Protein backbone atom coordinates (compact mmCIF):
# COMPACT_ATOMS: atom_id res chain seq x y z
CA MET A 1 1.67 -1.97 0.39
CA LEU A 2 0.44 1.36 1.66
CA ASN A 3 -2.18 1.82 -1.05
CA VAL A 4 -3.68 -0.29 -3.85
CA TYR A 5 -4.79 0.48 -7.36
CA PRO A 6 -8.45 0.48 -8.47
CA ILE A 7 -9.38 -2.80 -10.13
CA ALA A 8 -11.41 -0.78 -12.66
CA ALA A 9 -8.12 0.44 -14.13
CA THR A 10 -7.51 -3.08 -15.52
CA ALA A 11 -10.79 -3.24 -17.44
CA GLU A 12 -9.08 -2.68 -20.79
CA ASN A 13 -7.31 -6.05 -20.68
CA TRP A 14 -8.29 -7.07 -24.21
CA VAL A 15 -4.74 -7.42 -25.58
CA HIS A 16 -3.91 -10.06 -23.01
CA ASP A 17 -7.31 -11.71 -23.40
CA ALA A 18 -6.90 -12.00 -27.16
CA VAL A 19 -3.38 -13.46 -27.07
CA HIS A 20 -4.22 -15.76 -24.17
CA ALA A 21 -7.30 -17.10 -26.00
CA LYS A 22 -5.39 -17.63 -29.25
CA VAL A 23 -2.58 -19.57 -27.56
CA LYS A 24 -5.05 -21.70 -25.64
CA LEU A 25 -7.02 -22.53 -28.79
CA ALA A 26 -3.84 -23.44 -30.65
CA LEU A 27 -2.59 -25.81 -27.94
CA GLU A 28 -6.00 -27.45 -27.54
CA ALA A 29 -6.35 -27.87 -31.31
CA MET A 30 -2.98 -29.59 -31.55
CA ASN A 31 -3.90 -31.92 -28.70
CA ASN A 32 -7.13 -32.76 -30.54
CA GLY A 33 -5.27 -33.50 -33.76
CA THR A 34 -6.62 -30.49 -35.67
CA ALA A 35 -4.91 -27.48 -37.20
CA ALA A 36 -4.14 -24.53 -34.98
CA PRO A 37 -5.94 -21.32 -36.00
CA ASP A 38 -4.08 -18.67 -37.99
CA TRP A 39 -3.17 -15.53 -36.11
CA ALA A 40 -5.68 -13.33 -37.92
CA ASP A 41 -8.61 -15.75 -37.49
CA ASP A 42 -11.25 -14.02 -35.33
CA MET A 43 -8.54 -11.73 -33.95
CA HIS A 44 -9.18 -8.22 -32.67
CA ALA A 45 -8.78 -5.79 -35.57
CA ASP A 46 -6.04 -3.82 -33.80
CA LEU A 47 -3.95 -6.98 -33.42
CA ALA A 48 -4.74 -9.06 -36.48
CA TYR A 49 -2.10 -7.53 -38.75
CA ARG A 50 0.64 -6.69 -36.27
CA GLU A 51 3.68 -8.35 -37.78
CA ALA A 52 5.57 -8.72 -34.50
CA LEU A 53 2.70 -10.64 -32.95
CA ARG A 54 1.98 -12.76 -36.02
CA THR A 55 5.57 -13.89 -36.56
CA ARG A 56 6.06 -14.72 -32.88
CA TYR A 57 2.78 -16.61 -32.77
CA ASP A 58 3.88 -18.65 -35.79
CA ALA A 59 7.20 -19.41 -34.09
CA PHE A 60 5.27 -20.50 -30.99
CA LEU A 61 3.18 -22.86 -33.13
CA VAL A 62 6.30 -24.44 -34.61
CA ALA A 63 7.73 -25.04 -31.16
CA ALA A 64 4.44 -26.34 -29.77
CA GLY A 65 4.03 -28.65 -32.77
CA GLY A 66 7.19 -30.47 -31.74
CA LEU A 67 5.82 -31.31 -28.30
CA SER A 68 3.93 -34.37 -27.17
CA THR A 69 0.33 -34.13 -26.05
CA GLN A 70 1.44 -34.49 -22.46
CA GLN A 71 3.98 -31.68 -22.86
CA ARG A 72 1.44 -29.36 -24.46
CA THR A 73 -0.93 -30.11 -21.60
CA LYS A 74 1.80 -28.96 -19.23
CA VAL A 75 2.17 -25.73 -21.24
CA LEU A 76 -1.60 -25.21 -21.12
CA ARG A 77 -1.52 -25.62 -17.36
CA ALA A 78 1.22 -23.01 -17.04
CA LEU A 79 -0.73 -20.63 -19.28
CA GLU A 80 -3.78 -20.88 -17.05
CA ASP A 81 -2.03 -20.99 -13.68
CA GLN A 82 0.23 -18.00 -14.34
CA ASN A 83 -2.87 -15.94 -15.09
CA ASN A 84 -4.90 -17.19 -12.14
CA ILE A 85 -4.69 -13.75 -10.54
CA PRO A 86 -5.25 -12.87 -7.71
CA ALA A 87 -5.44 -16.48 -6.48
CA VAL A 88 -1.70 -17.01 -7.03
CA PHE A 89 -0.92 -14.29 -4.49
CA ASP A 90 -2.35 -16.43 -1.67
CA GLY A 91 0.78 -18.58 -1.46
CA ILE A 92 -1.15 -21.78 -2.17
CA ALA A 93 -2.62 -21.75 -5.69
CA ALA A 94 -0.42 -23.52 -8.24
CA CYS A 95 1.77 -21.27 -10.37
CA PRO A 96 4.55 -23.12 -12.20
CA ARG A 97 7.44 -21.11 -13.55
CA ILE A 98 8.33 -21.25 -17.24
CA ALA A 99 11.20 -23.57 -16.27
CA ALA A 100 8.56 -26.26 -15.62
CA THR A 101 7.69 -26.32 -19.35
CA PRO A 102 9.70 -27.97 -22.15
CA VAL A 103 12.85 -26.10 -23.13
CA ARG A 104 11.87 -25.62 -26.77
CA ILE A 105 8.72 -23.65 -25.88
CA ARG A 106 10.30 -21.19 -23.45
CA LYS A 107 11.91 -18.64 -25.79
CA PRO A 108 8.95 -18.56 -28.23
CA THR A 109 6.61 -18.01 -25.27
CA ALA A 110 8.70 -15.15 -23.91
CA ALA A 111 8.97 -13.55 -27.37
CA LEU A 112 5.22 -13.74 -28.06
CA PHE A 113 4.09 -12.27 -24.74
CA THR A 114 6.83 -9.63 -24.84
CA ALA A 115 5.42 -8.52 -28.20
CA ALA A 116 1.97 -8.39 -26.60
CA PHE A 117 3.34 -6.26 -23.74
CA ASP A 118 5.01 -3.92 -26.26
CA ALA A 119 1.66 -3.52 -28.03
CA LEU A 120 0.19 -2.04 -24.82
CA LYS A 121 2.40 0.99 -25.30
CA SER A 122 1.72 1.65 -28.98
CA LEU A 123 -2.01 1.08 -28.49
CA LYS A 124 -2.00 3.57 -25.56
CA VAL A 125 -3.46 0.94 -23.23
CA ARG A 126 -0.54 1.45 -20.90
CA ASP A 127 -1.12 5.21 -20.75
CA ARG A 128 -4.84 4.82 -20.09
CA LEU A 129 -4.12 2.33 -17.30
CA TYR A 130 -1.81 4.85 -15.65
CA GLU A 131 -4.23 7.77 -16.08
CA LYS A 132 -6.97 5.85 -14.27
CA ILE A 133 -4.60 4.85 -11.49
CA PHE A 134 -3.06 8.31 -11.03
CA LYS A 135 -6.45 10.01 -10.81
CA ASP A 136 -7.41 8.33 -7.54
CA LEU A 137 -3.98 7.54 -6.08
CA PRO A 138 -3.55 9.07 -2.58
CA GLY A 139 -0.42 11.17 -2.33
CA LYS A 140 0.43 10.63 -6.02
CA CYS A 141 3.37 8.43 -5.11
CA CYS A 142 4.52 4.83 -5.31
CA PRO A 143 2.28 2.74 -3.03
CA PHE A 144 5.00 0.13 -2.61
CA CYS A 145 7.14 2.57 -0.60
CA GLY A 146 5.28 5.86 -0.10
CA ILE A 147 8.51 7.70 -0.82
CA GLU A 148 8.91 8.02 -4.58
CA PRO A 149 6.59 10.62 -6.20
CA PHE A 150 4.75 9.74 -9.41
CA GLU A 151 4.81 12.04 -12.42
CA ALA A 152 1.49 13.23 -13.81
CA PRO A 153 0.16 11.50 -16.95
CA GLY A 154 1.74 12.92 -20.09
CA LEU A 155 5.16 13.33 -18.49
CA ALA A 156 7.94 10.74 -18.34
CA ARG A 157 6.34 7.33 -17.80
CA GLU A 158 6.73 5.59 -14.47
CA ASP A 159 8.04 2.05 -14.53
CA LEU A 160 5.36 -0.54 -15.27
CA ASP A 161 6.44 -3.51 -13.23
CA HIS A 162 5.67 -7.13 -14.01
CA TYR A 163 4.63 -8.07 -10.48
CA LEU A 164 5.05 -11.73 -11.39
CA PRO A 165 8.40 -11.37 -13.21
CA ARG A 166 8.02 -12.11 -16.91
CA SER A 167 11.36 -13.91 -16.87
CA LEU A 168 9.68 -16.51 -14.64
CA TYR A 169 5.99 -16.18 -15.58
CA PRO A 170 5.90 -14.95 -19.20
CA PHE A 171 2.30 -16.04 -19.86
CA ALA A 172 1.22 -13.14 -17.61
CA GLY A 173 3.50 -10.73 -19.45
CA ALA A 174 0.70 -8.58 -20.91
CA ASN A 175 -1.97 -9.16 -18.26
CA LEU A 176 -2.93 -5.80 -16.73
CA ARG A 177 -3.69 -7.57 -13.44
CA ASN A 178 0.02 -8.36 -13.31
CA LEU A 179 1.24 -4.89 -14.31
CA ALA A 180 1.73 -2.28 -11.60
CA PRO A 181 3.12 1.26 -11.93
CA MET A 182 6.06 1.49 -9.56
CA GLY A 183 8.73 3.98 -8.57
CA GLY A 184 12.03 3.55 -10.38
CA LYS A 185 14.00 2.77 -7.22
CA CYS A 186 11.41 0.27 -6.00
CA ASN A 187 11.46 -1.45 -9.37
CA ARG A 188 15.09 -1.30 -10.50
CA ALA A 189 17.06 -1.09 -7.26
CA TYR A 190 14.99 -3.32 -4.97
CA LYS A 191 12.41 -5.59 -6.60
CA GLN A 192 14.22 -6.16 -9.90
CA ALA A 193 13.24 -9.70 -10.98
CA LEU A 194 12.58 -11.06 -7.49
CA ASP A 195 9.76 -13.56 -7.24
CA VAL A 196 6.96 -12.20 -5.04
CA ILE A 197 5.24 -15.58 -4.71
CA CYS A 198 8.32 -17.70 -3.92
CA ASP A 199 11.17 -17.03 -1.50
CA ASP A 200 14.87 -17.62 -2.15
CA THR A 201 14.51 -21.32 -1.38
CA GLY A 202 11.61 -21.76 -3.79
CA GLN A 203 8.97 -22.01 -1.07
CA ARG A 204 5.62 -20.40 -1.85
CA ARG A 205 4.65 -17.28 0.08
CA ARG A 206 1.77 -14.86 0.30
CA CYS A 207 2.04 -11.30 -1.03
CA PHE A 208 -0.06 -8.17 -1.42
CA ASP A 209 -2.24 -7.82 -4.52
CA PRO A 210 -1.55 -4.40 -6.14
CA TYR A 211 -5.22 -4.29 -7.22
CA GLY A 212 -6.64 -5.91 -4.10
CA GLU A 213 -7.90 -4.60 -0.77
CA ASN A 214 -5.33 -5.49 1.88
CA LEU A 215 -3.01 -2.72 3.06
CA ALA A 216 -0.21 -2.24 5.56
CA THR A 217 0.46 0.57 8.01
CA VAL A 218 3.62 1.74 9.73
CA SER A 219 4.20 2.24 13.44
CA LEU A 220 7.19 3.72 15.26
CA MET A 221 5.60 3.36 18.70
CA ALA A 222 8.27 0.94 19.94
CA SER A 223 11.11 3.35 19.12
CA ARG A 224 13.14 4.61 22.06
CA PRO A 225 14.07 8.30 22.26
CA PHE A 226 17.37 9.28 23.89
CA GLU A 227 18.80 5.75 23.71
CA ASN A 228 21.09 6.38 20.75
CA ASP A 229 24.76 6.84 21.61
CA GLU A 230 24.86 10.24 19.93
CA THR A 231 24.80 13.43 21.97
CA GLY A 232 23.47 16.92 21.29
CA PRO A 233 20.05 18.51 20.84
CA PHE A 234 19.12 16.17 17.98
CA SER A 235 20.29 12.82 19.30
CA LEU A 236 18.52 10.17 17.26
CA PRO A 237 16.15 7.73 18.91
CA VAL A 238 16.72 4.02 18.47
CA TRP A 239 14.17 3.36 15.77
CA GLN A 240 11.90 0.33 15.61
CA VAL A 241 9.89 0.23 12.40
CA ASP A 242 6.87 -2.06 12.75
CA LEU A 243 4.86 -2.95 9.64
CA LEU A 244 1.28 -3.83 10.51
CA GLY A 245 -1.02 -5.93 8.37
CA ASP A 246 -1.26 -9.51 7.12
CA THR A 247 1.89 -11.01 8.60
CA ASP A 248 2.96 -13.12 5.63
CA SER A 249 2.19 -10.46 3.02
CA VAL A 250 4.04 -7.86 5.08
CA ALA A 251 7.07 -10.16 5.34
CA THR A 252 7.18 -10.56 1.55
CA TRP A 253 6.74 -6.81 1.00
CA ASP A 254 9.56 -6.05 3.42
CA GLN A 255 11.93 -8.64 1.97
CA VAL A 256 11.35 -7.70 -1.67
CA PHE A 257 11.42 -3.90 -1.23
CA GLN A 258 13.63 -3.68 1.92
CA ILE A 259 10.97 -1.49 3.49
CA ARG A 260 12.12 -1.42 7.12
CA HIS A 261 15.71 -0.61 6.17
CA ARG A 262 14.67 2.16 3.78
CA TYR A 263 12.24 3.66 6.29
CA GLU A 264 14.82 3.71 9.08
CA LYS A 265 17.34 5.47 6.83
CA LYS A 266 14.68 7.94 5.66
CA ILE A 267 13.69 8.82 9.22
CA GLN A 268 17.30 9.18 10.32
CA ALA A 269 18.09 11.48 7.41
CA HIS A 270 15.11 13.77 8.04
CA PHE A 271 14.77 13.69 11.82
CA ARG A 272 16.47 17.04 12.39
CA ASP A 273 14.55 18.78 9.59
CA TRP A 274 11.23 17.37 10.81
CA MET A 275 11.87 18.47 14.38
CA GLU A 276 12.96 21.95 13.29
CA HIS A 277 9.81 22.28 11.20
CA PHE A 278 7.67 21.36 14.20
CA ALA A 279 9.54 23.80 16.44
CA ASN A 280 9.17 26.61 13.89
CA TRP A 281 5.45 25.91 13.42
CA CYS A 282 4.92 25.78 17.15
CA ALA A 283 6.84 29.00 17.76
CA LEU A 284 4.73 30.82 15.17
CA GLN A 285 1.34 29.25 15.74
CA VAL A 286 1.29 28.15 19.38
CA GLY A 287 4.01 29.96 21.25
CA LEU A 288 6.21 28.63 24.02
CA ILE A 289 5.29 25.24 25.43
CA THR A 290 6.52 24.42 28.92
CA THR A 291 4.18 21.94 30.57
CA GLN A 292 3.48 18.34 29.63
CA GLN A 293 -0.08 19.18 28.60
CA GLU A 294 1.07 22.12 26.46
CA VAL A 295 3.58 19.88 24.67
CA ILE A 296 0.98 17.17 24.06
CA SER A 297 -1.55 19.72 22.78
CA ALA A 298 1.08 21.19 20.44
CA LEU A 299 1.91 17.75 19.04
CA GLU A 300 -1.79 16.96 18.58
CA GLY A 301 -2.32 20.27 16.79
CA TYR A 302 0.65 19.63 14.51
CA LEU A 303 -0.66 16.17 13.66
CA ARG A 304 -4.15 17.51 13.00
CA VAL A 305 -3.31 20.69 11.09
CA VAL A 306 -0.01 20.00 9.32
CA LEU A 307 0.46 16.25 8.90
CA GLN A 308 -2.29 14.89 6.70
CA ARG A 309 -2.73 11.17 6.19
CA THR A 310 -0.89 10.90 2.88
CA HIS A 311 2.13 8.93 1.76
CA ASP A 312 3.89 11.42 -0.48
CA ASP A 313 7.64 11.67 0.08
CA GLY A 314 7.47 9.72 3.32
CA ALA A 315 4.74 11.83 4.96
CA HIS A 316 3.41 8.67 6.62
CA LEU A 317 6.77 8.21 8.35
CA LYS A 318 6.80 11.78 9.62
CA ARG A 319 3.30 11.33 10.99
CA ALA A 320 4.23 8.00 12.61
CA MET A 321 7.23 9.67 14.27
CA PHE A 322 5.17 12.48 15.77
CA GLU A 323 2.48 10.02 16.89
CA MET A 324 5.23 8.17 18.72
CA LEU A 325 6.48 11.37 20.37
CA ARG A 326 2.95 12.29 21.46
CA GLN A 327 2.44 8.85 22.98
CA LYS A 328 5.80 8.92 24.75
CA CYS A 329 5.07 12.39 26.15
CA ALA A 330 1.73 11.23 27.51
CA GLU A 331 2.45 7.78 28.89
CA SER A 332 6.11 6.81 29.03
CA ASP A 333 8.68 7.01 31.79
CA ILE A 334 10.59 9.58 29.74
CA SER A 335 7.69 11.99 29.41
CA ASP A 336 9.36 14.63 31.62
CA ARG A 337 12.58 14.46 29.63
CA LEU A 338 10.73 14.63 26.31
CA THR A 339 8.65 17.56 27.53
CA SER A 340 11.79 19.48 28.48
CA TRP A 341 13.52 18.63 25.20
CA LEU A 342 10.61 19.72 23.00
CA SER A 343 10.06 22.83 25.08
CA ALA A 344 13.72 23.78 24.60
CA LEU A 345 13.52 23.22 20.83
CA VAL A 346 10.56 25.55 20.51
CA SER A 347 12.16 28.14 22.80
CA THR A 348 15.35 28.10 20.73
CA GLN A 349 13.41 28.46 17.50
CA LYS A 350 11.42 31.38 18.90
CA GLN A 351 14.64 33.12 19.93
CA LEU A 352 16.13 32.60 16.47
CA ALA A 353 12.99 33.98 14.85
CA ALA A 354 13.07 37.04 17.11
CA ALA A 355 16.71 37.61 16.12
CA GLY A 356 15.83 37.38 12.43
CA ASN A 357 17.36 33.89 11.95
CA PRO A 358 14.38 31.54 11.56
């Protein structure tokens, strides 16, 4: 992830807390041979008389009542482990899927916690979560990709992803620590219902915590200009997208969201536009650049003045590309060739501007 969300945004987690506590009490009561509490008993006033929650809780009780003590203990363990966040993101802490619980309890569990998730919308908890996140989010875009812009609060809602998929971990279905605003493409085209804590073989893996502290960065330093088979003034480099950060978490992020592939395609698609923008800026603000030092200074000025450290619409990729070009101009064995190429781009742009064709 390129950015994370403030943990303070999850403070209003009372819907999850209330449902979690009620289910835990009910299972423990049954195991102790006593009656499970009614839904409305000591329930938050905003939830006590919600019919969808009450009826699904009652259905859960019926299903749980048909289980043995040992089976209910297994359900209790799943309830606790699936909400042991952020520990479950470390790739080690136990986190059984719903498939590890008895068959008869699975649908009632999914129905109850889906109703709890739905309540987040009608109670405006979901909107307040997003408002707090959007306020401090750098670049106002999806931190899982840095490409998809986020709408301001009050406009069409962004997807609210179940980071641990609710089809696999329904007990965390209304837990704000497990709910992350996400761009529509990241959510629906790439992540979908993929399991971030288990790979395709079922092996546990580490992943980023959307409300944690660890981040990743992007480097294009190992890319190789002029080595693509294409010809012409905008021949593409051979791109190497390196994702830097915790190795295991980065691997999961890349696999789930196809980050390297998407970044390479993004850079390829915008390379010409980005280079023309630099050449136009340089022609207007700097003038002709002919020597190696003039080219390096122009690139440094462009990075400093124009390319801020944000992630909106792939700005981090544009910056990484120009950092690579600056480094190659200064230190690589192709510095002379790069200097000539960039000098020619700026010269051409200055001629076009003088002819009235910027």
